Amino acid sequence: MGIFVLGSKKGLLFVLSNAASNDITGIYKYGLQQSGEKQTKKYLNELVLFLNSGSRNQNLVREVSMFSQELKYDIFKKHIVFYRIVTKNSIFVIRILGRRINSIEHI
């Protein structure tokens, strides 16, 4: 079960897994400690805009074929977003992990 986040008419529908939702909570808590509330909210708003972006270049989509042909990832600033394309207009976000984390252990 995930959390639905609706975007604009031009944007994507994205669903967060429970793990991805927990990842965002962790990003928020860490951000508050390191950068303060204003900067943390800005970062998370930019992350939501990134997830809602309908302009992903299909030529730049990265696959994680060692796990599944369906698993993709994109890099957003200091994080890697792992997701699966559900339909042309929707994605299921599996994890949002820091770039320094060993992703293989957490997917």
N, C-alpha and C. Protein backbone atom coordinates (compact mmCIF):
# COMPACT_ATOMS: atom_id res chain seq x y z
N MET A 1 0.84 -1.18 0.00
CA MET A 1 0.00 0.00 0.00
C MET A 1 0.88 1.23 0.00
N GLY A 2 0.50 2.27 -0.73
CA GLY A 2 1.30 3.47 -0.83
C GLY A 2 0.46 4.71 -0.65
N ILE A 3 1.12 5.83 -0.77
CA ILE A 3 0.48 7.13 -0.66
C ILE A 3 0.37 7.70 -2.06
N PHE A 4 -0.81 8.11 -2.45
CA PHE A 4 -1.01 8.69 -3.77
C PHE A 4 -0.74 10.18 -3.72
N VAL A 5 -0.02 10.66 -4.69
CA VAL A 5 0.25 12.08 -4.81
C VAL A 5 -0.12 12.47 -6.23
N LEU A 6 -1.10 13.33 -6.37
CA LEU A 6 -1.55 13.74 -7.68
C LEU A 6 -0.85 15.00 -8.12
N GLY A 7 -0.47 15.04 -9.37
CA GLY A 7 0.18 16.22 -9.93
C GLY A 7 -0.77 17.03 -10.77
N SER A 8 -0.21 17.92 -11.54
CA SER A 8 -1.00 18.74 -12.43
C SER A 8 -1.48 17.90 -13.61
N LYS A 9 -2.28 18.48 -14.46
CA LYS A 9 -2.79 17.77 -15.63
C LYS A 9 -1.65 17.27 -16.52
N LYS A 10 -0.55 18.00 -16.56
CA LYS A 10 0.59 17.61 -17.38
C LYS A 10 1.54 16.68 -16.64
N GLY A 11 1.38 16.58 -15.33
CA GLY A 11 2.31 15.79 -14.54
C GLY A 11 1.92 14.33 -14.46
N LEU A 12 2.75 13.59 -13.77
CA LEU A 12 2.54 12.18 -13.54
C LEU A 12 1.80 11.96 -12.23
N LEU A 13 1.09 10.86 -12.19
CA LEU A 13 0.58 10.37 -10.92
C LEU A 13 1.70 9.51 -10.36
N PHE A 14 2.07 9.74 -9.12
CA PHE A 14 3.07 8.85 -8.54
C PHE A 14 2.57 8.33 -7.21
N VAL A 15 2.93 7.09 -6.95
CA VAL A 15 2.55 6.41 -5.72
C VAL A 15 3.84 6.06 -5.00
N LEU A 16 3.88 6.36 -3.71
CA LEU A 16 5.04 6.02 -2.89
C LEU A 16 4.80 4.72 -2.16
N SER A 17 5.76 3.82 -2.19
CA SER A 17 5.69 2.63 -1.35
C SER A 17 5.82 3.09 0.10
N ASN A 18 5.51 2.20 1.03
CA ASN A 18 5.70 2.55 2.44
C ASN A 18 7.16 2.87 2.72
N ALA A 19 8.07 2.12 2.10
CA ALA A 19 9.50 2.36 2.29
C ALA A 19 9.89 3.74 1.76
N ALA A 20 9.38 4.12 0.59
CA ALA A 20 9.68 5.44 0.02
C ALA A 20 9.10 6.55 0.90
N SER A 21 7.93 6.32 1.44
CA SER A 21 7.33 7.29 2.35
C SER A 21 8.22 7.47 3.59
N ASN A 22 8.72 6.36 4.11
CA ASN A 22 9.65 6.42 5.25
C ASN A 22 10.95 7.11 4.86
N ASP A 23 11.40 6.89 3.62
CA ASP A 23 12.61 7.56 3.14
C ASP A 23 12.42 9.07 3.16
N ILE A 24 11.26 9.54 2.72
CA ILE A 24 10.99 10.98 2.70
C ILE A 24 10.96 11.53 4.13
N THR A 25 10.38 10.77 5.04
CA THR A 25 10.38 11.18 6.44
C THR A 25 11.81 11.31 6.96
N GLY A 26 12.65 10.35 6.59
CA GLY A 26 14.06 10.40 7.00
C GLY A 26 14.79 11.59 6.39
N ILE A 27 14.51 11.88 5.13
CA ILE A 27 15.12 13.03 4.47
C ILE A 27 14.70 14.31 5.19
N TYR A 28 13.43 14.38 5.57
CA TYR A 28 12.92 15.56 6.27
C TYR A 28 13.63 15.73 7.63
N LYS A 29 13.71 14.66 8.39
CA LYS A 29 14.34 14.75 9.72
C LYS A 29 15.82 15.11 9.60
N TYR A 30 16.51 14.47 8.69
CA TYR A 30 17.93 14.76 8.49
C TYR A 30 18.12 16.21 8.03
N GLY A 31 17.27 16.62 7.09
CA GLY A 31 17.35 17.99 6.58
C GLY A 31 17.14 19.03 7.66
N LEU A 32 16.17 18.78 8.55
CA LEU A 32 15.94 19.72 9.65
C LEU A 32 17.18 19.87 10.51
N GLN A 33 17.85 18.76 10.80
CA GLN A 33 19.06 18.80 11.62
C GLN A 33 20.22 19.50 10.92
N GLN A 34 20.36 19.26 9.63
CA GLN A 34 21.52 19.75 8.90
C GLN A 34 21.34 21.13 8.28
N SER A 35 20.12 21.42 7.80
CA SER A 35 19.92 22.63 6.99
C SER A 35 18.83 23.56 7.47
N GLY A 36 18.01 23.11 8.41
CA GLY A 36 16.91 23.94 8.88
C GLY A 36 15.63 23.70 8.08
N GLU A 37 14.55 24.22 8.62
CA GLU A 37 13.22 23.95 8.06
C GLU A 37 13.03 24.54 6.66
N LYS A 38 13.44 25.77 6.46
CA LYS A 38 13.22 26.43 5.17
C LYS A 38 13.90 25.66 4.03
N GLN A 39 15.16 25.33 4.20
CA GLN A 39 15.91 24.63 3.16
C GLN A 39 15.37 23.21 2.96
N THR A 40 14.96 22.56 4.05
CA THR A 40 14.42 21.20 3.95
C THR A 40 13.12 21.19 3.17
N LYS A 41 12.24 22.14 3.46
CA LYS A 41 10.97 22.22 2.72
C LYS A 41 11.22 22.51 1.25
N LYS A 42 12.17 23.36 0.96
CA LYS A 42 12.52 23.67 -0.43
C LYS A 42 12.99 22.40 -1.15
N TYR A 43 13.88 21.64 -0.51
CA TYR A 43 14.40 20.41 -1.10
C TYR A 43 13.28 19.41 -1.37
N LEU A 44 12.39 19.23 -0.39
CA LEU A 44 11.29 18.28 -0.56
C LEU A 44 10.30 18.74 -1.62
N ASN A 45 10.04 20.05 -1.70
CA ASN A 45 9.17 20.56 -2.76
C ASN A 45 9.79 20.30 -4.13
N GLU A 46 11.10 20.48 -4.24
CA GLU A 46 11.78 20.20 -5.50
C GLU A 46 11.73 18.71 -5.82
N LEU A 47 11.82 17.87 -4.80
CA LEU A 47 11.72 16.42 -5.01
C LEU A 47 10.33 16.05 -5.54
N VAL A 48 9.30 16.65 -4.96
CA VAL A 48 7.93 16.38 -5.44
C VAL A 48 7.78 16.84 -6.89
N LEU A 49 8.30 18.01 -7.22
CA LEU A 49 8.24 18.49 -8.61
C LEU A 49 8.99 17.53 -9.53
N PHE A 50 10.11 17.02 -9.07
CA PHE A 50 10.88 16.06 -9.86
C PHE A 50 10.07 14.78 -10.10
N LEU A 51 9.44 14.26 -9.04
CA LEU A 51 8.63 13.06 -9.17
C LEU A 51 7.42 13.28 -10.07
N ASN A 52 6.90 14.48 -10.03
CA ASN A 52 5.72 14.82 -10.81
C ASN A 52 6.05 15.22 -12.24
N SER A 53 7.32 15.29 -12.55
CA SER A 53 7.75 15.75 -13.87
C SER A 53 7.34 14.77 -14.95
N GLY A 54 6.61 15.24 -15.89
CA GLY A 54 6.24 14.42 -17.03
C GLY A 54 7.26 14.49 -18.14
N SER A 55 8.36 15.18 -17.91
CA SER A 55 9.32 15.43 -18.98
C SER A 55 10.54 14.52 -18.92
N ARG A 56 10.42 13.38 -18.25
CA ARG A 56 11.55 12.45 -18.20
C ARG A 56 11.93 12.04 -19.61
N ASN A 57 13.17 12.13 -19.91
CA ASN A 57 13.68 11.74 -21.22
C ASN A 57 13.87 10.22 -21.22
N GLN A 58 13.07 9.53 -21.99
CA GLN A 58 13.12 8.07 -22.02
C GLN A 58 14.50 7.55 -22.41
N ASN A 59 15.29 8.35 -23.12
CA ASN A 59 16.64 7.92 -23.49
C ASN A 59 17.59 7.94 -22.30
N LEU A 60 17.21 8.66 -21.24
CA LEU A 60 18.07 8.77 -20.07
C LEU A 60 17.63 7.86 -18.92
N VAL A 61 16.52 7.15 -19.10
CA VAL A 61 16.04 6.27 -18.06
C VAL A 61 17.07 5.17 -17.81
N ARG A 62 17.39 4.99 -16.57
CA ARG A 62 18.39 3.98 -16.20
C ARG A 62 17.67 2.75 -15.67
N GLU A 63 18.09 1.59 -16.14
CA GLU A 63 17.49 0.34 -15.68
C GLU A 63 18.40 -0.32 -14.67
N VAL A 64 17.78 -1.04 -13.77
CA VAL A 64 18.51 -1.82 -12.78
C VAL A 64 18.21 -3.28 -13.10
N SER A 65 18.75 -3.75 -14.21
CA SER A 65 18.38 -5.06 -14.74
C SER A 65 18.85 -6.21 -13.85
N MET A 66 19.78 -5.96 -12.91
CA MET A 66 20.22 -7.05 -12.03
C MET A 66 19.09 -7.49 -11.11
N PHE A 67 18.09 -6.62 -10.90
CA PHE A 67 16.96 -6.96 -10.06
C PHE A 67 15.73 -7.30 -10.89
N SER A 68 15.44 -6.42 -11.83
CA SER A 68 14.23 -6.58 -12.63
C SER A 68 14.31 -5.65 -13.84
N GLN A 69 13.80 -6.10 -14.95
CA GLN A 69 13.76 -5.24 -16.14
C GLN A 69 12.84 -4.05 -15.91
N GLU A 70 11.90 -4.19 -15.00
CA GLU A 70 10.95 -3.11 -14.75
C GLU A 70 11.49 -2.04 -13.81
N LEU A 71 12.52 -2.35 -13.05
CA LEU A 71 13.05 -1.40 -12.07
C LEU A 71 13.93 -0.36 -12.76
N LYS A 72 13.61 0.90 -12.53
CA LYS A 72 14.34 2.02 -13.10
C LYS A 72 14.85 2.90 -11.96
N TYR A 73 15.77 3.79 -12.32
CA TYR A 73 16.18 4.78 -11.32
C TYR A 73 16.53 6.09 -11.99
N ASP A 74 16.43 7.13 -11.22
CA ASP A 74 16.77 8.48 -11.64
C ASP A 74 17.51 9.14 -10.49
N ILE A 75 18.38 10.06 -10.81
CA ILE A 75 19.13 10.75 -9.77
C ILE A 75 18.53 12.14 -9.56
N PHE A 76 18.22 12.43 -8.31
CA PHE A 76 17.76 13.76 -7.92
C PHE A 76 18.71 14.30 -6.86
N LYS A 77 19.53 15.24 -7.26
CA LYS A 77 20.50 15.88 -6.36
C LYS A 77 21.30 14.83 -5.59
N LYS A 78 21.08 14.72 -4.28
CA LYS A 78 21.85 13.80 -3.45
C LYS A 78 21.16 12.45 -3.26
N HIS A 79 20.10 12.20 -4.01
CA HIS A 79 19.32 10.97 -3.83
C HIS A 79 19.12 10.21 -5.14
N ILE A 80 18.93 8.92 -4.99
CA ILE A 80 18.58 8.07 -6.12
C ILE A 80 17.15 7.60 -5.90
N VAL A 81 16.32 7.82 -6.91
CA VAL A 81 14.91 7.44 -6.85
C VAL A 81 14.74 6.16 -7.66
N PHE A 82 14.34 5.08 -6.99
CA PHE A 82 14.06 3.80 -7.65
C PHE A 82 12.56 3.71 -7.86
N TYR A 83 12.17 3.35 -9.08
CA TYR A 83 10.74 3.31 -9.39
C TYR A 83 10.44 2.30 -10.49
N ARG A 84 9.16 2.07 -10.65
CA ARG A 84 8.67 1.20 -11.70
C ARG A 84 7.62 2.00 -12.47
N ILE A 85 7.67 1.95 -13.79
CA ILE A 85 6.66 2.61 -14.60
C ILE A 85 5.42 1.73 -14.61
N VAL A 86 4.30 2.31 -14.18
CA VAL A 86 3.04 1.57 -14.12
C VAL A 86 2.27 1.74 -15.42
N THR A 87 2.09 2.99 -15.81
CA THR A 87 1.45 3.32 -17.08
C THR A 87 2.24 4.47 -17.70
N LYS A 88 1.81 4.92 -18.84
CA LYS A 88 2.45 6.06 -19.50
C LYS A 88 2.46 7.29 -18.60
N ASN A 89 1.47 7.40 -17.73
CA ASN A 89 1.32 8.60 -16.90
C ASN A 89 1.47 8.36 -15.41
N SER A 90 1.99 7.19 -15.02
CA SER A 90 2.12 6.95 -13.59
C SER A 90 3.34 6.08 -13.27
N ILE A 91 3.90 6.35 -12.10
CA ILE A 91 5.04 5.56 -11.61
C ILE A 91 4.79 5.14 -10.17
N PHE A 92 5.43 4.05 -9.78
CA PHE A 92 5.40 3.57 -8.41
C PHE A 92 6.82 3.74 -7.86
N VAL A 93 6.97 4.61 -6.88
CA VAL A 93 8.28 4.90 -6.30
C VAL A 93 8.56 3.87 -5.21
N ILE A 94 9.64 3.11 -5.39
CA ILE A 94 9.99 2.02 -4.48
C ILE A 94 10.85 2.51 -3.33
N ARG A 95 11.90 3.26 -3.63
CA ARG A 95 12.79 3.79 -2.60
C ARG A 95 13.37 5.13 -3.06
N ILE A 96 13.75 5.96 -2.10
CA ILE A 96 14.49 7.20 -2.34
C ILE A 96 15.67 7.17 -1.39
N LEU A 97 16.83 6.84 -1.93
CA LEU A 97 18.00 6.58 -1.09
C LEU A 97 19.10 7.60 -1.35
N GLY A 98 19.85 7.89 -0.32
CA GLY A 98 21.01 8.75 -0.47
C GLY A 98 22.01 8.10 -1.41
N ARG A 99 22.70 8.92 -2.18
CA ARG A 99 23.65 8.39 -3.16
C ARG A 99 24.80 7.64 -2.52
N ARG A 100 25.07 7.89 -1.27
CA ARG A 100 26.17 7.22 -0.58
C ARG A 100 25.78 5.88 0.02
N ILE A 101 24.49 5.60 0.06
CA ILE A 101 24.00 4.35 0.66
C ILE A 101 24.21 3.21 -0.33
N ASN A 102 24.54 2.03 0.17
CA ASN A 102 24.64 0.85 -0.67
C ASN A 102 23.22 0.44 -1.05
N SER A 103 22.80 0.87 -2.22
CA SER A 103 21.41 0.68 -2.66
C SER A 103 21.00 -0.78 -2.74
N ILE A 104 21.92 -1.65 -3.12
CA ILE A 104 21.59 -3.06 -3.28
C ILE A 104 21.04 -3.66 -1.99
N GLU A 105 21.55 -3.23 -0.86
CA GLU A 105 21.09 -3.75 0.42
C GLU A 105 19.70 -3.24 0.80
N HIS A 106 19.25 -2.16 0.19
CA HIS A 106 18.02 -1.50 0.62
C HIS A 106 16.85 -1.63 -0.35
N ILE A 107 17.06 -2.26 -1.47
CA ILE A 107 15.94 -2.40 -2.43
C ILE A 107 15.21 -3.68 -2.15
